[in-house]
Structure formats: structure tokens, C-alpha cells
């Protein structure tokens, strides 16, 4: 009997030890509920002042090599000698090249003197030769209308924060198993001033961790009676986690009647998920306080903007250029409601407004607007190569006048 009791006690101790080993915290998936937990994860950070992220290697630039050598000339090494990079027109640099296993936990970027639609962020996982992220900087941070202080929205969401004046912050968790490489390309005709910081943890990554992806698209103008494709040709298993949509509309009336549709796992003509309207998908309703009684810009209706942890809406008037009536930015993060797919995914949205005047016989009106988007998702690798990024001429927001009003 004593032998049995000792055996049971020994087994209990062994199981308790195994449980403690299983509960070893990786330092990932951080939140207020686990900040107290200890971990063996190693915190590292890459910036202009520590381009490799190595331990004890920050602030080592000399006046000879530093981009701020003139400002720091009376102070020397260790005194903000190399805080940023200057990218000449057409230049591409590797901002970060991380070896090992871990996860990106935060990215901060700011750019100056350039159009952010022509600054291209790319991220490659492990041994990839094709990027898993390829997006203009402004659109990646839900601020696609770029240049000018009047076009920088203030966004305080869980995934992205855009702070004054153009402080772009990303909190998407991005695990990798062998390597992470981040590049920046300047497609502008002027020199780009590029500040950045990539904060990451080197630690064990769970076996079921998928890889982060983000893809950009733009169509201008949208052909008559066509749906806009947010993303297509996703192959593999994963979950769709977010949408950013920038719309430039030429119509004075309401523009957001179109339905978003998710075609997944073999869907053809009809989708599995079908929304009821553009503002509905972005978690608003009834035309976002579409208020003809409170008008801006000589007759353009005013809207109430909002940003929240999971969704937001912003708009900007463009009276000087007269190229659009309004520029609209909307984001929707599927953080607590990811859209899971087994084999494939395609996401589209209709571009619909109304034919006026209002009444019982009122009809929908297809809108040939300027539509640009970013799709965010996680999936198992390998992923299908992205379609070719639009050319420089197709990316830029032109200031041409329009006859569509």
C-alpha cells in the first residue's frame, strides 16, 4: 500500500513539473492580463541608431557616418548622431534584417518631404524572395490620403495608431521562425527623410502561429458596373483580420450603399459572407450622420468622424484642387472576429450611391470612384505571389480637375 502511495505522489510531482514546463511564458500575445508574467524572451529594437538590433550596440555611430553629424558636431558619438535615413529617389534600403525566431511587436515610422503613397513598405518572412507585406506607408497605417497635415487622421485603434503629425504605429503581432527582413523604397522624385523603430522579441514561436500578410490595391476610376476587389487569389489556410479602404468620391450624394462580400473555400458566384452596406461593414450605420443641414466647403455635407479600437471613419475636403468632393478613409479590424478560411479567399465591395431625387422610385447608382485598399490576414506559408504593385503613375493621387460633379 505504501508503495502505491509513494508511486502516486511521485507521479503527482512529475505532472506538476510538466505543467510548470508547459506554462513557460513565451513573452508573446502581451496584454494587461499577463504583464506580470516572467519570460526568457529577449527584447530587441532596430532603428537608425542600432541598425542590427544587437545587444549593447545602440548609439555607436560616429560623426563621420551619422546622418545628423552637423547637428551633433559639438557633441559627438552617443548624442543622436544617426537618428534617420535619407533615401534618394528610386532608392531602396533594408531597414531591418533579423535572424532567429521571434515576433515583431511594434513598428513606428514617420516620413517627411514626400508623398507616403510613394513610400513602399515590404516585409519578408524566413527565406522568402517574394514579400508577404507590400503596401504604401500611409495606407498600411490607415492614412492613405497622405500628404499634408489636413490629411493625417488621428487614429487610436488596437492595431494601428496614427499620432500627430504623422507618427505611424503598428501593433499587429508578426511571428517568424528563421528571419524577418523589412525594406523601404522611395518612389518619390524627392529625397525621403525616414525615421523608424522596429521593436521585437526573440523567443519560441508556437507551432500554430501563422504569418502576417498585407496587400495593397487601387483602381481609379472603377469601371462601370464592376465590383472593386480588395484582395483575391489568397490560397491556403488562415484568417482575415482587417481592411483599410480609401475612397475618393466625385459625387455630392451618399456613396456607401455597396455590399462587401467574402468568397471563401470554393465559393463562386455567391459568397459565404455578405454585408449590407459600406458603412455597416465599417461598424457605422445610416450614412455616418450624413447631414445636409450642416454643410462644409460650399455645399458638401459634413460627417461625424470616429475612431475606436476596432473601426473608424475619417474624411477630408479638397476644395483647393477640386479633384474630389471628399476623400474618405475607413478601417475595420477583425481582432475578436477573424474570418477564418480553409483553402482560399477573395474579398470584394460594390461602389454604390443613389440616383436623386429621393422617393419611392429612387434607384442605386454605380460610382466610378477612386478606390484603394489594404487587406490584412494571417496564413500558413507558402502564399501566392501578389499581383504587381501599381506603377508610380497609378499610385499617386493626382490633382486633376474632374467633370463628374
Protein backbone atom coordinates (compact mmCIF):
# COMPACT_ATOMS: atom_id res chain seq x y z
CA UNK A 1 0.00 0.00 0.00
CA UNK A 2 2.82 2.38 0.92
CA UNK A 3 4.50 1.62 -2.44
CA UNK A 4 1.32 2.61 -4.27
CA UNK A 5 1.03 5.85 -2.30
CA UNK A 6 4.69 6.73 -2.99
CA UNK A 7 4.18 5.98 -6.68
CA UNK A 8 1.14 8.24 -6.81
CA UNK A 9 3.00 11.02 -5.02
CA UNK A 10 5.93 10.68 -7.42
CA UNK A 11 3.56 10.84 -10.38
CA UNK A 12 1.89 13.96 -8.95
CA UNK A 13 5.25 15.69 -8.56
CA UNK A 14 6.20 14.71 -12.13
CA UNK A 15 2.90 16.00 -13.55
CA UNK A 16 3.24 19.23 -11.57
CA UNK A 17 6.70 19.70 -13.03
CA UNK A 18 5.40 19.03 -16.54
CA UNK A 19 2.59 21.52 -16.01
CA UNK A 20 5.06 24.18 -14.91
CA UNK A 21 7.16 23.46 -18.01
CA UNK A 22 4.09 23.73 -20.25
CA UNK A 23 3.18 27.07 -18.67
CA UNK A 24 6.54 28.62 -19.50
CA UNK A 25 5.65 32.02 -20.95
CA UNK A 26 6.98 32.94 -24.40
CA UNK A 27 6.56 36.69 -23.90
CA UNK A 28 4.18 36.94 -26.86
CA UNK A 29 0.48 37.86 -27.00
CA UNK A 30 1.00 40.61 -24.47
CA UNK A 31 -1.95 42.25 -22.74
CA UNK A 32 -2.90 43.78 -19.40
CA UNK A 33 -3.74 40.34 -18.07
CA UNK A 34 -0.24 38.87 -18.45
CA UNK A 35 2.14 41.81 -17.97
CA UNK A 36 3.19 40.39 -14.59
CA UNK A 37 4.46 37.11 -16.11
CA UNK A 38 8.19 36.48 -16.39
CA UNK A 39 9.68 35.22 -19.65
CA UNK A 40 13.02 34.28 -21.19
CA UNK A 41 12.15 36.29 -24.32
CA UNK A 42 14.86 38.76 -25.33
CA UNK A 43 13.68 42.27 -26.17
CA UNK A 44 15.47 43.94 -29.07
CA UNK A 45 14.92 47.08 -31.16
CA UNK A 46 16.18 48.25 -34.55
CA UNK A 47 16.47 51.91 -35.53
CA UNK A 48 18.90 54.20 -37.28
CA UNK A 49 20.86 54.30 -34.02
CA UNK A 50 21.07 50.48 -33.82
CA UNK A 51 20.55 49.08 -37.34
CA UNK A 52 21.29 45.48 -36.33
CA UNK A 53 19.38 45.39 -33.03
CA UNK A 54 22.36 43.76 -31.31
CA UNK A 55 22.78 43.93 -27.56
CA UNK A 56 24.90 46.89 -26.46
CA UNK A 57 25.27 48.27 -29.99
CA UNK A 58 22.97 51.31 -29.83
CA UNK A 59 24.17 54.88 -30.38
CA UNK A 60 27.57 53.87 -31.76
CA UNK A 61 27.50 55.96 -34.95
CA UNK A 62 30.38 58.40 -35.37
CA UNK A 63 30.25 61.92 -36.75
CA UNK A 64 31.88 60.64 -39.92
CA UNK A 65 28.98 58.30 -40.73
CA UNK A 66 25.97 59.85 -38.96
CA UNK A 67 23.08 61.48 -40.81
CA UNK A 68 22.87 64.17 -38.08
CA UNK A 69 26.61 64.79 -37.93
CA UNK A 70 26.16 68.54 -38.48
CA UNK A 71 23.68 68.95 -35.62
CA UNK A 72 25.78 66.72 -33.34
CA UNK A 73 29.16 68.19 -34.30
CA UNK A 74 29.76 69.72 -30.86
CA UNK A 75 28.63 66.59 -29.01
CA UNK A 76 29.96 63.57 -30.85
CA UNK A 77 29.28 59.86 -30.58
CA UNK A 78 26.28 58.88 -28.47
CA UNK A 79 24.45 62.20 -29.00
CA UNK A 80 21.77 61.47 -31.63
CA UNK A 81 24.29 61.16 -34.42
CA UNK A 82 22.33 58.83 -36.75
CA UNK A 83 18.57 59.04 -35.96
CA UNK A 84 17.23 58.62 -39.50
CA UNK A 85 17.97 57.58 -43.06
CA UNK A 86 17.83 59.63 -46.24
CA UNK A 87 16.53 57.76 -49.28
CA UNK A 88 17.22 59.27 -52.66
CA UNK A 89 14.60 58.98 -55.44
CA UNK A 90 14.35 55.34 -56.52
CA UNK A 91 16.44 54.07 -53.60
CA UNK A 92 15.50 51.00 -51.56
CA UNK A 93 17.08 50.11 -48.21
CA UNK A 94 16.88 47.21 -45.78
CA UNK A 95 15.60 48.78 -42.58
CA UNK A 96 15.75 45.55 -40.55
CA UNK A 97 17.21 42.09 -41.05
CA UNK A 98 16.53 39.90 -38.02
CA UNK A 99 17.92 36.39 -37.71
CA UNK A 100 16.39 33.73 -35.47
CA UNK A 101 12.95 33.01 -34.05
CA UNK A 102 10.60 35.57 -32.57
CA UNK A 103 7.97 38.18 -33.38
CA UNK A 104 7.64 41.84 -34.32
CA UNK A 105 5.61 43.54 -31.58
CA UNK A 106 5.61 47.20 -32.62
CA UNK A 107 6.69 49.29 -35.61
CA UNK A 108 6.97 53.08 -35.56
CA UNK A 109 7.59 55.02 -38.77
CA UNK A 110 7.48 58.63 -39.85
CA UNK A 111 8.34 60.08 -43.25
CA UNK A 112 8.88 63.66 -44.34
CA UNK A 113 9.23 65.66 -47.54
CA UNK A 114 7.48 63.00 -49.65
CA UNK A 115 4.13 61.53 -50.64
CA UNK A 116 3.61 58.44 -48.41
CA UNK A 117 1.66 56.72 -51.21
CA UNK A 118 5.04 56.51 -52.98
CA UNK A 119 6.92 55.07 -49.98
CA UNK A 120 6.64 51.28 -50.19
CA UNK A 121 6.95 49.07 -47.11
CA UNK A 122 7.80 45.41 -47.71
CA UNK A 123 8.26 42.55 -45.22
CA UNK A 124 9.70 39.10 -45.98
CA UNK A 125 9.44 36.10 -43.63
CA UNK A 126 12.11 33.41 -43.23
CA UNK A 127 13.64 32.59 -46.65
CA UNK A 128 11.02 34.35 -48.82
CA UNK A 129 12.04 36.05 -52.05
CA UNK A 130 8.52 37.48 -52.57
CA UNK A 131 7.14 39.83 -49.87
CA UNK A 132 4.28 38.93 -47.53
CA UNK A 133 3.67 42.66 -46.95
CA UNK A 134 3.81 45.16 -49.83
CA UNK A 135 1.92 48.37 -49.08
CA UNK A 136 2.43 52.15 -49.35
CA UNK A 137 3.30 53.52 -45.92
CA UNK A 138 0.27 55.76 -45.46
CA UNK A 139 -2.23 53.08 -46.43
CA UNK A 140 -0.58 50.48 -44.18
CA UNK A 141 -1.23 52.79 -41.23
CA UNK A 142 -4.83 53.60 -42.32
CA UNK A 143 -3.84 57.09 -43.52
CA UNK A 144 -3.81 56.63 -47.27
CA UNK A 145 -4.66 60.17 -48.33
CA UNK A 146 -1.24 61.31 -47.18
CA UNK A 147 0.49 64.36 -47.79
CA UNK A 148 -0.43 67.44 -45.81
CA UNK A 149 -1.35 67.98 -42.18
CA UNK A 150 -5.04 68.17 -43.12
CA UNK A 151 -4.94 64.61 -44.41
CA UNK A 152 -3.38 62.92 -41.37
CA UNK A 153 -6.20 61.39 -39.34
CA UNK A 154 -5.82 60.82 -35.63
CA UNK A 155 -6.33 57.08 -35.14
CA UNK A 156 -6.31 55.33 -31.76
CA UNK A 157 -7.13 51.71 -32.57
CA UNK A 158 -5.74 48.48 -31.17
CA UNK A 159 -3.89 47.55 -34.36
CA UNK A 160 -2.80 50.98 -35.62
CA UNK A 161 -2.26 54.39 -34.04
CA UNK A 162 -1.58 57.47 -36.16
CA UNK A 163 -0.47 60.31 -33.92
CA UNK A 164 0.28 63.98 -34.69
CA UNK A 165 1.71 64.87 -37.09
CA UNK A 166 2.41 61.65 -38.94
CA UNK A 167 3.61 59.26 -36.27
CA UNK A 168 2.66 55.85 -37.66
CA UNK A 169 2.43 52.99 -35.14
CA UNK A 170 1.59 49.35 -35.85
CA UNK A 171 0.79 46.75 -33.18
CA UNK A 172 -0.01 43.77 -35.41
CA UNK A 173 1.84 40.78 -33.95
CA UNK A 174 4.15 39.30 -36.61
CA UNK A 175 5.84 35.97 -35.74
CA UNK A 176 8.72 34.50 -37.71
CA UNK A 177 10.77 31.33 -37.34
CA UNK A 178 14.06 31.94 -39.13
CA UNK A 179 14.30 35.51 -40.30
CA UNK A 180 12.45 38.81 -40.77
CA UNK A 181 13.54 41.32 -43.40
CA UNK A 182 11.92 44.77 -43.72
CA UNK A 183 12.65 47.11 -46.62
CA UNK A 184 11.60 50.63 -47.61
CA UNK A 185 11.54 52.02 -51.16
CA UNK A 186 11.31 55.69 -52.13
CA UNK A 187 9.41 56.11 -55.40
CA UNK A 188 9.18 59.90 -54.99
CA UNK A 189 11.11 62.42 -57.07
CA UNK A 190 12.50 64.00 -53.89
CA UNK A 191 14.70 62.78 -51.05
CA UNK A 192 12.82 60.92 -48.34
CA UNK A 193 13.56 61.52 -44.65
CA UNK A 194 12.90 58.19 -42.95
CA UNK A 195 12.73 57.66 -39.18
CA UNK A 196 11.81 54.18 -37.92
CA UNK A 197 11.93 51.80 -34.99
CA UNK A 198 11.16 48.06 -35.03
CA UNK A 199 10.56 46.51 -31.60
CA UNK A 200 10.64 42.72 -31.38
CA UNK A 201 11.12 39.71 -29.13
CA UNK A 202 13.43 36.78 -29.77
CA UNK A 203 11.61 33.79 -28.33
CA UNK A 204 9.95 30.46 -29.11
CA UNK A 205 7.04 30.79 -31.55
CA UNK A 206 4.01 28.46 -31.14
CA UNK A 207 3.64 25.70 -33.71
CA UNK A 208 0.23 27.01 -34.78
CA UNK A 209 1.43 30.58 -35.39
CA UNK A 210 0.66 31.82 -38.91
CA UNK A 211 2.46 34.57 -40.83
CA UNK A 212 1.23 38.16 -41.21
CA UNK A 213 0.32 39.44 -44.69
CA UNK A 214 -0.85 42.78 -46.10
CA UNK A 215 -1.59 43.60 -49.74
CA UNK A 216 -2.48 46.89 -51.44
CA UNK A 217 -4.78 47.51 -54.40
CA UNK A 218 -6.05 50.59 -56.23
CA UNK A 219 -8.45 51.21 -59.13
CA UNK A 220 -9.11 54.73 -60.45
CA UNK A 221 -11.67 55.15 -61.81
CA UNK A 222 -13.66 51.99 -61.11
CA UNK A 223 -15.08 50.74 -64.45
CA UNK A 224 -18.83 50.94 -64.88
CA UNK A 225 -20.79 48.16 -63.16
CA UNK A 226 -17.67 46.44 -61.83
CA UNK A 227 -17.11 45.49 -58.19
CA UNK A 228 -13.92 46.61 -56.50
CA UNK A 229 -11.59 43.79 -55.47
CA UNK A 230 -9.99 44.32 -52.08
CA UNK A 231 -7.97 41.11 -52.34
CA UNK A 232 -8.03 37.99 -54.49
CA UNK A 233 -6.15 34.78 -55.00
CA UNK A 234 -5.37 34.07 -51.36
CA UNK A 235 -4.58 30.36 -51.24
CA UNK A 236 -4.03 28.30 -48.11
CA UNK A 237 -5.41 28.21 -44.59
CA UNK A 238 -5.63 31.29 -42.43
CA UNK A 239 -7.72 34.14 -41.07
CA UNK A 240 -8.59 37.55 -42.49
CA UNK A 241 -8.05 40.24 -39.84
CA UNK A 242 -8.55 43.69 -41.30
CA UNK A 243 -9.48 46.11 -44.08
CA UNK A 244 -8.47 49.67 -44.82
CA UNK A 245 -10.39 51.41 -47.61
CA UNK A 246 -9.60 54.87 -49.03
CA UNK A 247 -12.34 56.24 -51.28
CA UNK A 248 -12.18 59.42 -53.32
CA UNK A 249 -15.73 60.18 -54.40
CA UNK A 250 -16.82 62.60 -57.10
CA UNK A 251 -20.49 62.54 -56.16
CA UNK A 252 -22.23 65.01 -53.88
CA UNK A 253 -24.63 62.34 -52.67
CA UNK A 254 -24.23 59.30 -50.44
CA UNK A 255 -21.61 56.87 -51.73
CA UNK A 256 -21.71 53.94 -49.29
CA UNK A 257 -24.55 51.60 -50.29
CA UNK A 258 -22.26 48.88 -51.66
CA UNK A 259 -22.02 45.44 -50.05
CA UNK A 260 -18.78 43.77 -49.03
CA UNK A 261 -18.52 40.08 -49.90
CA UNK A 262 -16.20 37.32 -48.70
CA UNK A 263 -15.85 34.41 -51.12
CA UNK A 264 -14.13 31.54 -49.34
CA UNK A 265 -13.28 27.86 -49.69
CA UNK A 266 -14.63 27.29 -53.18
CA UNK A 267 -17.37 29.97 -53.35
CA UNK A 268 -18.01 31.08 -56.94
CA UNK A 269 -20.99 33.25 -57.85
CA UNK A 270 -22.30 33.80 -54.31
CA UNK A 271 -20.24 34.49 -51.18
CA UNK A 272 -20.45 32.91 -47.73
CA UNK A 273 -20.38 36.32 -46.00
CA UNK A 274 -22.31 39.25 -47.49
CA UNK A 275 -22.58 42.65 -45.80
CA UNK A 276 -25.43 45.13 -46.12
CA UNK A 277 -23.57 48.36 -46.86
CA UNK A 278 -20.16 50.01 -46.75
CA UNK A 279 -20.66 51.98 -43.55
CA UNK A 280 -22.32 48.92 -41.98
CA UNK A 281 -19.19 46.83 -42.55
CA UNK A 282 -17.05 49.59 -41.02
CA UNK A 283 -19.31 49.46 -37.95
CA UNK A 284 -21.31 52.63 -38.58
CA UNK A 285 -24.86 52.99 -39.87
CA UNK A 286 -27.20 55.28 -41.81
CA UNK A 287 -24.61 57.23 -43.76
CA UNK A 288 -22.37 58.19 -40.80
CA UNK A 289 -24.52 61.16 -39.71
CA UNK A 290 -24.96 62.35 -43.28
CA UNK A 291 -26.12 65.87 -42.50
CA UNK A 292 -27.30 68.19 -45.25
CA UNK A 293 -28.21 70.81 -42.64
CA UNK A 294 -24.59 71.16 -41.57
CA UNK A 295 -22.53 71.72 -44.70
CA UNK A 296 -18.85 72.35 -45.33
CA UNK A 297 -16.97 73.54 -48.39
CA UNK A 298 -19.83 75.32 -50.12
CA UNK A 299 -22.41 72.58 -50.14
CA UNK A 300 -20.58 69.36 -49.33
CA UNK A 301 -22.34 67.51 -46.48
CA UNK A 302 -20.49 67.19 -43.20
CA UNK A 303 -19.87 63.95 -41.37
CA UNK A 304 -19.04 62.99 -37.81
CA UNK A 305 -15.71 61.18 -37.83
CA UNK A 306 -14.81 58.48 -35.30
CA UNK A 307 -12.03 56.10 -34.39
CA UNK A 308 -12.35 53.18 -32.00
CA UNK A 309 -10.38 50.04 -31.09
CA UNK A 310 -11.84 48.04 -33.98
CA UNK A 311 -13.17 50.51 -36.58
CA UNK A 312 -13.02 54.11 -37.74
CA UNK A 313 -14.10 56.67 -40.33
CA UNK A 314 -12.39 59.88 -41.46
CA UNK A 315 -12.92 62.27 -44.32
CA UNK A 316 -11.10 65.23 -45.82
CA UNK A 317 -12.29 68.06 -48.06
CA UNK A 318 -10.33 69.01 -51.14
CA UNK A 319 -11.69 72.38 -52.13
CA UNK A 320 -8.46 73.84 -53.49
CA UNK A 321 -7.74 71.10 -56.02
CA UNK A 322 -11.40 70.40 -56.89
CA UNK A 323 -10.30 66.89 -57.80
CA UNK A 324 -12.73 65.21 -55.38
CA UNK A 325 -15.68 66.28 -53.32
CA UNK A 326 -14.40 64.29 -50.34
CA UNK A 327 -11.63 61.87 -49.53
CA UNK A 328 -12.73 59.07 -47.22
CA UNK A 329 -10.72 56.67 -45.05
CA UNK A 330 -12.25 53.69 -43.20
CA UNK A 331 -10.73 50.83 -41.23
CA UNK A 332 -12.17 47.63 -39.77
CA UNK A 333 -10.04 45.26 -37.68
CA UNK A 334 -11.32 41.69 -37.19
CA UNK A 335 -9.42 41.24 -33.94
CA UNK A 336 -12.11 39.43 -31.95
CA UNK A 337 -13.97 38.17 -35.02
CA UNK A 338 -11.36 36.94 -37.54
CA UNK A 339 -12.74 35.49 -40.77
CA UNK A 340 -11.27 32.01 -40.98
CA UNK A 341 -10.79 30.22 -44.31
CA UNK A 342 -9.53 26.73 -45.12
CA UNK A 343 -8.30 26.90 -48.73
CA UNK A 344 -8.94 30.26 -50.43
CA UNK A 345 -10.35 33.76 -50.02
CA UNK A 346 -11.48 36.67 -52.20
CA UNK A 347 -12.94 39.95 -50.86
CA UNK A 348 -14.88 42.48 -52.96
CA UNK A 349 -17.01 45.57 -52.33
CA UNK A 350 -19.58 47.31 -54.51
CA UNK A 351 -19.37 51.04 -55.28
CA UNK A 352 -22.94 52.30 -54.98
CA UNK A 353 -24.70 55.57 -54.29
CA UNK A 354 -28.17 56.87 -55.09
CA UNK A 355 -29.84 58.44 -58.07
CA UNK A 356 -31.58 61.60 -56.86
CA UNK A 357 -34.17 62.96 -56.18
CA UNK A 358 -35.25 60.77 -53.31
CA UNK A 359 -38.57 58.99 -53.33
CA UNK A 360 -40.24 55.63 -53.66
CA UNK A 361 -38.72 55.12 -57.12
CA UNK A 362 -35.17 56.01 -56.05
CA UNK A 363 -32.55 53.75 -57.60
CA UNK A 364 -28.95 52.75 -56.90
CA UNK A 365 -26.18 54.45 -58.83
CA UNK A 366 -22.84 52.83 -59.63
CA UNK A 367 -19.98 55.20 -58.73
CA UNK A 368 -16.74 55.29 -60.77
CA UNK A 369 -14.76 56.44 -57.74
CA UNK A 370 -11.09 56.24 -56.77
CA UNK A 371 -10.76 53.15 -54.56
CA UNK A 372 -7.61 51.99 -52.76
CA UNK A 373 -7.36 49.35 -50.05
CA UNK A 374 -5.18 47.20 -47.85
CA UNK A 375 -6.17 43.66 -46.88
CA UNK A 376 -4.62 42.22 -43.70
CA UNK A 377 -4.52 38.49 -42.95
CA UNK A 378 -2.55 35.63 -41.41
CA UNK A 379 -1.92 32.38 -43.22
CA UNK A 380 0.32 29.36 -43.45
CA UNK A 381 3.18 29.65 -45.91
CA UNK A 382 3.80 29.48 -48.76
CA UNK A 383 1.48 32.22 -50.02
CA UNK A 384 0.57 33.03 -53.60
CA UNK A 385 2.76 35.80 -55.05
CA UNK A 386 0.99 39.15 -55.01
CA UNK A 387 -0.19 40.82 -58.19
CA UNK A 388 2.20 43.51 -59.41
CA UNK A 389 2.11 46.71 -57.39
CA UNK A 390 0.58 49.60 -59.38
CA UNK A 391 3.07 51.80 -61.19
CA UNK A 392 4.17 55.16 -59.83
CA UNK A 393 1.70 56.91 -62.13
CA UNK A 394 -1.10 54.62 -60.94
CA UNK A 395 -0.26 55.08 -57.25
CA UNK A 396 -0.13 58.84 -56.99
CA UNK A 397 -3.23 60.86 -56.12
CA UNK A 398 -3.40 63.34 -58.97
CA UNK A 399 -4.79 66.86 -58.66
CA UNK A 400 -6.60 66.89 -61.98
CA UNK A 401 -9.94 68.62 -62.16
CA UNK A 402 -12.97 66.50 -62.94
CA UNK A 403 -16.16 66.95 -64.91
CA UNK A 404 -18.00 64.31 -62.90
CA UNK A 405 -19.53 66.62 -60.31
